[in-house]
Amino acid sequence: MLCKLSARFDPSRDVGPWLSERPGREGSADAGGNHSETLHIINVERNGNVLYTWKGPQEYTNVGLYDNDNKNNQVRCICLL
């Protein structure tokens, strides 16, 4: 059985604006520059949810979850790496 991938998730469309709207938070573009350059997809789950990372202020690595059904984002973890 072949795996079919679809382009339903676009980081610049689905995550970028959310990061920019978070003033004073760990993902805020105002707090530490444009984080779209450090945005990386980690995994796409069977239900279509997407795990991703980005670098926040002070080079903290953040892990987020994009819920494909509800079209919303959540911060899952902030790591000091």
PDB file of N, CA and C in Angstrom:
ATOM      1  N   MET A   1       0.840  -1.180   0.000  1.00  0.00           N
ATOM      2  CA  MET A   1       0.000   0.000   0.000  1.00  0.00           C
ATOM      3  C   MET A   1       0.884   1.242   0.000  1.00  0.00           C
ATOM      4  N   LEU A   2       0.612   2.151  -0.892  1.00  0.00           N
ATOM      5  CA  LEU A   2       1.373   3.389  -0.977  1.00  0.00           C
ATOM      6  C   LEU A   2       0.784   4.440  -0.051  1.00  0.00           C
ATOM      7  N   CYS A   3       1.664   5.237   0.500  1.00  0.00           N
ATOM      8  CA  CYS A   3       1.258   6.326   1.382  1.00  0.00           C
ATOM      9  C   CYS A   3       1.018   7.568   0.534  1.00  0.00           C
ATOM     10  N   LYS A   4      -0.153   8.158   0.656  1.00  0.00           N
ATOM     11  CA  LYS A   4      -0.461   9.383  -0.071  1.00  0.00           C
ATOM     12  C   LYS A   4      -0.262  10.573   0.856  1.00  0.00           C
ATOM     13  N   LEU A   5       0.530  11.520   0.424  1.00  0.00           N
ATOM     14  CA  LEU A   5       0.746  12.738   1.202  1.00  0.00           C
ATOM     15  C   LEU A   5      -0.012  13.877   0.545  1.00  0.00           C
ATOM     16  N   SER A   6      -0.547  14.746   1.338  1.00  0.00           N
ATOM     17  CA  SER A   6      -1.219  15.915   0.778  1.00  0.00           C
ATOM     18  C   SER A   6      -0.555  17.169   1.319  1.00  0.00           C
ATOM     19  N   ALA A   7      -0.699  18.245   0.600  1.00  0.00           N
ATOM     20  CA  ALA A   7      -0.083  19.516   0.987  1.00  0.00           C
ATOM     21  C   ALA A   7      -1.091  20.382   1.733  1.00  0.00           C
ATOM     22  N   ARG A   8      -1.765  19.811   2.725  1.00  0.00           N
ATOM     23  CA  ARG A   8      -2.750  20.576   3.488  1.00  0.00           C
ATOM     24  C   ARG A   8      -2.092  21.495   4.504  1.00  0.00           C
ATOM     25  N   PHE A   9      -0.861  21.209   4.889  1.00  0.00           N
ATOM     26  CA  PHE A   9      -0.165  21.996   5.901  1.00  0.00           C
ATOM     27  C   PHE A   9       0.907  22.839   5.232  1.00  0.00           C
ATOM     28  N   ASP A  10       0.842  24.141   5.454  1.00  0.00           N
ATOM     29  CA  ASP A  10       1.844  25.070   4.952  1.00  0.00           C
ATOM     30  C   ASP A  10       2.339  25.878   6.151  1.00  0.00           C
ATOM     31  N   PRO A  11       3.608  25.669   6.569  1.00  0.00           N
ATOM     32  CA  PRO A  11       4.095  26.349   7.775  1.00  0.00           C
ATOM     33  C   PRO A  11       3.943  27.863   7.738  1.00  0.00           C
ATOM     34  N   SER A  12       4.198  28.490   6.606  1.00  0.00           N
ATOM     35  CA  SER A  12       4.094  29.950   6.550  1.00  0.00           C
ATOM     36  C   SER A  12       2.648  30.412   6.680  1.00  0.00           C
ATOM     37  N   ARG A  13       1.708  29.612   6.234  1.00  0.00           N
ATOM     38  CA  ARG A  13       0.291  29.964   6.332  1.00  0.00           C
ATOM     39  C   ARG A  13      -0.318  29.530   7.663  1.00  0.00           C
ATOM     40  N   ASP A  14       0.005  28.310   8.115  1.00  0.00           N
ATOM     41  CA  ASP A  14      -0.667  27.724   9.271  1.00  0.00           C
ATOM     42  C   ASP A  14       0.011  28.006  10.607  1.00  0.00           C
ATOM     43  N   VAL A  15       1.315  28.306  10.601  1.00  0.00           N
ATOM     44  CA  VAL A  15       2.030  28.538  11.854  1.00  0.00           C
ATOM     45  C   VAL A  15       2.606  29.950  11.927  1.00  0.00           C
ATOM     46  N   GLY A  16       3.125  30.474  10.834  1.00  0.00           N
ATOM     47  CA  GLY A  16       3.783  31.782  10.816  1.00  0.00           C
ATOM     48  C   GLY A  16       2.974  32.907  11.430  1.00  0.00           C
ATOM     49  N   PRO A  17       1.714  33.104  11.004  1.00  0.00           N
ATOM     50  CA  PRO A  17       0.913  34.180  11.608  1.00  0.00           C
ATOM     51  C   PRO A  17       0.670  33.974  13.092  1.00  0.00           C
ATOM     52  N   TRP A  18       0.506  32.721  13.517  1.00  0.00           N
ATOM     53  CA  TRP A  18       0.282  32.414  14.929  1.00  0.00           C
ATOM     54  C   TRP A  18       1.497  32.809  15.767  1.00  0.00           C
ATOM     55  N   LEU A  19       2.700  32.533  15.262  1.00  0.00           N
ATOM     56  CA  LEU A  19       3.911  32.920  15.989  1.00  0.00           C
ATOM     57  C   LEU A  19       4.022  34.437  16.092  1.00  0.00           C
ATOM     58  N   SER A  20       3.659  35.145  15.035  1.00  0.00           N
ATOM     59  CA  SER A  20       3.756  36.604  15.021  1.00  0.00           C
ATOM     60  C   SER A  20       2.741  37.269  15.934  1.00  0.00           C
ATOM     61  N   GLU A  21       1.616  36.610  16.189  1.00  0.00           N
ATOM     62  CA  GLU A  21       0.547  37.179  17.028  1.00  0.00           C
ATOM     63  C   GLU A  21       0.791  37.004  18.507  1.00  0.00           C
ATOM     64  N   ARG A  22       1.911  36.424  18.898  1.00  0.00           N
ATOM     65  CA  ARG A  22       2.140  36.093  20.310  1.00  0.00           C
ATOM     66  C   ARG A  22       3.125  37.063  20.949  1.00  0.00           C
ATOM     67  N   PRO A  23       2.796  38.356  21.089  1.00  0.00           N
ATOM     68  CA  PRO A  23       3.740  39.323  21.662  1.00  0.00           C
ATOM     69  C   PRO A  23       4.151  38.968  23.071  1.00  0.00           C
ATOM     70  N   GLY A  24       5.461  39.069  23.324  1.00  0.00           N
ATOM     71  CA  GLY A  24       5.983  38.803  24.650  1.00  0.00           C
ATOM     72  C   GLY A  24       6.062  37.339  25.005  1.00  0.00           C
ATOM     73  N   ARG A  25       5.702  36.468  24.090  1.00  0.00           N
ATOM     74  CA  ARG A  25       5.743  35.031  24.341  1.00  0.00           C
ATOM     75  C   ARG A  25       6.995  34.440  23.723  1.00  0.00           C
ATOM     76  N   GLU A  26       7.240  33.163  24.009  1.00  0.00           N
ATOM     77  CA  GLU A  26       8.451  32.495  23.551  1.00  0.00           C
ATOM     78  C   GLU A  26       8.548  32.388  22.036  1.00  0.00           C
ATOM     79  N   GLY A  27       7.443  32.452  21.326  1.00  0.00           N
ATOM     80  CA  GLY A  27       7.495  32.305  19.879  1.00  0.00           C
ATOM     81  C   GLY A  27       7.363  33.611  19.135  1.00  0.00           C
ATOM     82  N   SER A  28       7.213  34.707  19.832  1.00  0.00           N
ATOM     83  CA  SER A  28       6.904  35.973  19.197  1.00  0.00           C
ATOM     84  C   SER A  28       7.995  36.436  18.251  1.00  0.00           C
ATOM     85  N   ALA A  29       7.584  36.810  17.057  1.00  0.00           N
ATOM     86  CA  ALA A  29       8.538  37.346  16.094  1.00  0.00           C
ATOM     87  C   ALA A  29       9.102  38.675  16.589  1.00  0.00           C
ATOM     88  N   ASP A  30       8.294  39.451  17.340  1.00  0.00           N
ATOM     89  CA  ASP A  30       8.774  40.718  17.871  1.00  0.00           C
ATOM     90  C   ASP A  30       9.853  40.515  18.929  1.00  0.00           C
ATOM     91  N   ALA A  31       9.777  39.419  19.660  1.00  0.00           N
ATOM     92  CA  ALA A  31      10.715  39.187  20.756  1.00  0.00           C
ATOM     93  C   ALA A  31      12.075  38.710  20.288  1.00  0.00           C
ATOM     94  N   GLY A  32      12.138  38.046  19.152  1.00  0.00           N
ATOM     95  CA  GLY A  32      13.426  37.498  18.762  1.00  0.00           C
ATOM     96  C   GLY A  32      13.663  37.365  17.285  1.00  0.00           C
ATOM     97  N   GLY A  33      12.952  38.103  16.453  1.00  0.00           N
ATOM     98  CA  GLY A  33      13.187  38.021  15.023  1.00  0.00           C
ATOM     99  C   GLY A  33      12.196  37.114  14.328  1.00  0.00           C
ATOM    100  N   ASN A  34      12.474  36.847  13.070  1.00  0.00           N
ATOM    101  CA  ASN A  34      11.581  36.037  12.244  1.00  0.00           C
ATOM    102  C   ASN A  34      11.874  34.560  12.473  1.00  0.00           C
ATOM    103  N   HIS A  35      10.941  33.835  13.084  1.00  0.00           N
ATOM    104  CA  HIS A  35      11.166  32.434  13.427  1.00  0.00           C
ATOM    105  C   HIS A  35      10.811  31.484  12.299  1.00  0.00           C
ATOM    106  N   SER A  36      10.260  31.995  11.189  1.00  0.00           N
ATOM    107  CA  SER A  36       9.929  31.116  10.074  1.00  0.00           C
ATOM    108  C   SER A  36      11.178  30.482   9.476  1.00  0.00           C
ATOM    109  N   GLU A  37      12.336  31.123   9.661  1.00  0.00           N
ATOM    110  CA  GLU A  37      13.592  30.556   9.155  1.00  0.00           C
ATOM    111  C   GLU A  37      14.004  29.324   9.949  1.00  0.00           C
ATOM    112  N   THR A  38      13.582  29.221  11.212  1.00  0.00           N
ATOM    113  CA  THR A  38      13.977  28.097  12.056  1.00  0.00           C
ATOM    114  C   THR A  38      12.851  27.092  12.238  1.00  0.00           C
ATOM    115  N   LEU A  39      11.745  27.268  11.521  1.00  0.00           N
ATOM    116  CA  LEU A  39      10.602  26.383  11.629  1.00  0.00           C
ATOM    117  C   LEU A  39      10.857  25.095  10.859  1.00  0.00           C
ATOM    118  N   HIS A  40      10.787  23.948  11.570  1.00  0.00           N
ATOM    119  CA  HIS A  40      11.033  22.641  10.954  1.00  0.00           C
ATOM    120  C   HIS A  40       9.934  21.661  11.353  1.00  0.00           C
ATOM    121  N   ILE A  41       9.464  20.889  10.387  1.00  0.00           N
ATOM    122  CA  ILE A  41       8.471  19.862  10.657  1.00  0.00           C
ATOM    123  C   ILE A  41       9.183  18.631  11.205  1.00  0.00           C
ATOM    124  N   ILE A  42       8.710  18.107  12.328  1.00  0.00           N
ATOM    125  CA  ILE A  42       9.276  16.904  12.942  1.00  0.00           C
ATOM    126  C   ILE A  42       8.540  15.664  12.462  1.00  0.00           C
ATOM    127  N   ASN A  43       7.199  15.727  12.493  1.00  0.00           N
ATOM    128  CA  ASN A  43       6.416  14.545  12.179  1.00  0.00           C
ATOM    129  C   ASN A  43       5.002  14.946  11.776  1.00  0.00           C
ATOM    130  N   VAL A  44       4.414  14.148  10.890  1.00  0.00           N
ATOM    131  CA  VAL A  44       3.001  14.270  10.552  1.00  0.00           C
ATOM    132  C   VAL A  44       2.338  12.999  11.058  1.00  0.00           C
ATOM    133  N   GLU A  45       1.381  13.155  11.968  1.00  0.00           N
ATOM    134  CA  GLU A  45       0.722  12.009  12.571  1.00  0.00           C
ATOM    135  C   GLU A  45      -0.374  11.461  11.653  1.00  0.00           C
ATOM    136  N   ARG A  46      -0.853  10.280  11.934  1.00  0.00           N
ATOM    137  CA  ARG A  46      -1.881   9.638  11.108  1.00  0.00           C
ATOM    138  C   ARG A  46      -3.147  10.466  10.992  1.00  0.00           C
ATOM    139  N   ASN A  47      -3.491  11.189  12.044  1.00  0.00           N
ATOM    140  CA  ASN A  47      -4.711  11.999  12.025  1.00  0.00           C
ATOM    141  C   ASN A  47      -4.515  13.348  11.341  1.00  0.00           C
ATOM    142  N   GLY A  48      -3.321  13.599  10.807  1.00  0.00           N
ATOM    143  CA  GLY A  48      -3.048  14.841  10.094  1.00  0.00           C
ATOM    144  C   GLY A  48      -2.431  15.933  10.939  1.00  0.00           C
ATOM    145  N   ASN A  49      -2.326  15.732  12.258  1.00  0.00           N
ATOM    146  CA  ASN A  49      -1.675  16.724  13.109  1.00  0.00           C
ATOM    147  C   ASN A  49      -0.194  16.776  12.797  1.00  0.00           C
ATOM    148  N   VAL A  50       0.400  17.954  12.952  1.00  0.00           N
ATOM    149  CA  VAL A  50       1.799  18.165  12.589  1.00  0.00           C
ATOM    150  C   VAL A  50       2.578  18.636  13.806  1.00  0.00           C
ATOM    151  N   LEU A  51       3.677  17.951  14.124  1.00  0.00           N
ATOM    152  CA  LEU A  51       4.610  18.387  15.160  1.00  0.00           C
ATOM    153  C   LEU A  51       5.719  19.172  14.483  1.00  0.00           C
ATOM    154  N   TYR A  52       6.078  20.321  15.057  1.00  0.00           N
ATOM    155  CA  TYR A  52       7.103  21.171  14.456  1.00  0.00           C
ATOM    156  C   TYR A  52       7.928  21.843  15.547  1.00  0.00           C
ATOM    157  N   THR A  53       9.090  22.348  15.179  1.00  0.00           N
ATOM    158  CA  THR A  53       9.950  23.080  16.110  1.00  0.00           C
ATOM    159  C   THR A  53      10.306  24.429  15.526  1.00  0.00           C
ATOM    160  N   TRP A  54      10.693  25.351  16.397  1.00  0.00           N
ATOM    161  CA  TRP A  54      11.264  26.635  15.997  1.00  0.00           C
ATOM    162  C   TRP A  54      12.112  27.156  17.137  1.00  0.00           C
ATOM    163  N   LYS A  55      13.049  28.039  16.806  1.00  0.00           N
ATOM    164  CA  LYS A  55      13.907  28.659  17.818  1.00  0.00           C
ATOM    165  C   LYS A  55      13.245  29.933  18.310  1.00  0.00           C
ATOM    166  N   GLY A  56      13.180  30.071  19.618  1.00  0.00           N
ATOM    167  CA  GLY A  56      12.610  31.260  20.226  1.00  0.00           C
ATOM    168  C   GLY A  56      13.710  32.179  20.739  1.00  0.00           C
ATOM    169  N   PRO A  57      13.326  33.196  21.529  1.00  0.00           N
ATOM    170  CA  PRO A  57      14.317  34.091  22.116  1.00  0.00           C
ATOM    171  C   PRO A  57      15.330  33.307  22.958  1.00  0.00           C
ATOM    172  N   GLN A  58      16.512  33.796  23.021  1.00  0.00           N
ATOM    173  CA  GLN A  58      17.618  33.169  23.756  1.00  0.00           C
ATOM    174  C   GLN A  58      17.900  31.764  23.247  1.00  0.00           C
ATOM    175  N   GLU A  59      17.536  31.507  21.968  1.00  0.00           N
ATOM    176  CA  GLU A  59      17.803  30.231  21.297  1.00  0.00           C
ATOM    177  C   GLU A  59      17.128  29.037  21.951  1.00  0.00           C
ATOM    178  N   TYR A  60      16.018  29.251  22.679  1.00  0.00           N
ATOM    179  CA  TYR A  60      15.245  28.126  23.203  1.00  0.00           C
ATOM    180  C   TYR A  60      14.579  27.412  22.038  1.00  0.00           C
ATOM    181  N   THR A  61      14.539  26.089  22.096  1.00  0.00           N
ATOM    182  CA  THR A  61      13.844  25.311  21.079  1.00  0.00           C
ATOM    183  C   THR A  61      12.428  25.050  21.570  1.00  0.00           C
ATOM    184  N   ASN A  62      11.458  25.408  20.749  1.00  0.00           N
ATOM    185  CA  ASN A  62      10.048  25.224  21.070  1.00  0.00           C
ATOM    186  C   ASN A  62       9.492  24.093  20.216  1.00  0.00           C
ATOM    187  N   VAL A  63       8.569  23.329  20.769  1.00  0.00           N
ATOM    188  CA  VAL A  63       7.887  22.277  20.024  1.00  0.00           C
ATOM    189  C   VAL A  63       6.410  22.629  20.010  1.00  0.00           C
ATOM    190  N   GLY A  64       5.830  22.635  18.814  1.00  0.00           N
ATOM    191  CA  GLY A  64       4.425  22.964  18.676  1.00  0.00           C
ATOM    192  C   GLY A  64       3.656  21.845  18.011  1.00  0.00           C
ATOM    193  N   LEU A  65       2.339  21.906  18.157  1.00  0.00           N
ATOM    194  CA  LEU A  65       1.446  20.940  17.534  1.00  0.00           C
ATOM    195  C   LEU A  65       0.386  21.705  16.765  1.00  0.00           C
ATOM    196  N   TYR A  66       0.263  21.407  15.477  1.00  0.00           N
ATOM    197  CA  TYR A  66      -0.791  21.982  14.651  1.00  0.00           C
ATOM    198  C   TYR A  66      -1.898  20.943  14.533  1.00  0.00           C
ATOM    199  N   ASP A  67      -3.083  21.269  15.038  1.00  0.00           N
ATOM    200  CA  ASP A  67      -4.239  20.378  14.966  1.00  0.00           C
ATOM    201  C   ASP A  67      -4.933  20.632  13.638  1.00  0.00           C
ATOM    202  N   ASN A  68      -4.812  19.683  12.731  1.00  0.00           N
ATOM    203  CA  ASN A  68      -5.335  19.860  11.382  1.00  0.00           C
ATOM    204  C   ASN A  68      -6.859  19.950  11.354  1.00  0.00           C
ATOM    205  N   ASP A  69      -7.559  19.241  12.233  1.00  0.00           N
ATOM    206  CA  ASP A  69      -9.020  19.279  12.242  1.00  0.00           C
ATOM    207  C   ASP A  69      -9.550  20.634  12.689  1.00  0.00           C
ATOM    208  N   ASN A  70      -8.957  21.191  13.749  1.00  0.00           N
ATOM    209  CA  ASN A  70      -9.421  22.461  14.311  1.00  0.00           C
ATOM    210  C   ASN A  70      -8.671  23.672  13.786  1.00  0.00           C
ATOM    211  N   LYS A  71      -7.608  23.440  13.015  1.00  0.00           N
ATOM    212  CA  LYS A  71      -6.783  24.526  12.437  1.00  0.00           C
ATOM    213  C   LYS A  71      -6.232  25.446  13.518  1.00  0.00           C
ATOM    214  N   ASN A  72      -5.719  24.850  14.621  1.00  0.00           N
ATOM    215  CA  ASN A  72      -5.107  25.681  15.653  1.00  0.00           C
ATOM    216  C   ASN A  72      -3.765  25.097  16.085  1.00  0.00           C
ATOM    217  N   ASN A  73      -2.987  25.904  16.781  1.00  0.00           N
ATOM    218  CA  ASN A  73      -1.642  25.558  17.224  1.00  0.00           C
ATOM    219  C   ASN A  73      -1.570  25.560  18.737  1.00  0.00           C
ATOM    220  N   GLN A  74      -0.648  24.744  19.259  1.00  0.00           N
ATOM    221  CA  GLN A  74      -0.378  24.713  20.689  1.00  0.00           C
ATOM    222  C   GLN A  74       1.121  24.571  20.887  1.00  0.00           C
ATOM    223  N   VAL A  75       1.645  25.229  21.918  1.00  0.00           N
ATOM    224  CA  VAL A  75       3.034  25.003  22.315  1.00  0.00           C
ATOM    225  C   VAL A  75       3.029  23.761  23.181  1.00  0.00           C
ATOM    226  N   ARG A  76       3.826  22.764  22.813  1.00  0.00           N
ATOM    227  CA  ARG A  76       3.873  21.515  23.564  1.00  0.00           C
ATOM    228  C   ARG A  76       5.051  21.483  24.524  1.00  0.00           C
ATOM    229  N   CYS A  77       6.143  22.157  24.186  1.00  0.00           N
ATOM    230  CA  CYS A  77       7.346  22.050  25.012  1.00  0.00           C
ATOM    231  C   CYS A  77       8.289  23.201  24.672  1.00  0.00           C
ATOM    232  N   ILE A  78       8.981  23.706  25.672  1.00  0.00           N
ATOM    233  CA  ILE A  78      10.054  24.682  25.480  1.00  0.00           C
ATOM    234  C   ILE A  78      11.297  24.049  26.073  1.00  0.00           C
ATOM    235  N   CYS A  79      12.295  23.831  25.259  1.00  0.00           N
ATOM    236  CA  CYS A  79      13.493  23.092  25.682  1.00  0.00           C
ATOM    237  C   CYS A  79      14.710  24.006  25.698  1.00  0.00           C
ATOM    238  N   LEU A  80      15.534  23.857  26.684  1.00  0.00           N
ATOM    239  CA  LEU A  80      16.782  24.597  26.778  1.00  0.00           C
ATOM    240  C   LEU A  80      17.888  23.724  26.202  1.00  0.00           C
ATOM    241  N   LEU A  81      18.135  23.858  24.912  1.00  0.00           N
ATOM    242  CA  LEU A  81      19.163  23.038  24.262  1.00  0.00           C
ATOM    243  C   LEU A  81      20.358  23.861  23.898  1.00  0.00           C
TER     244      LEU A  81
END
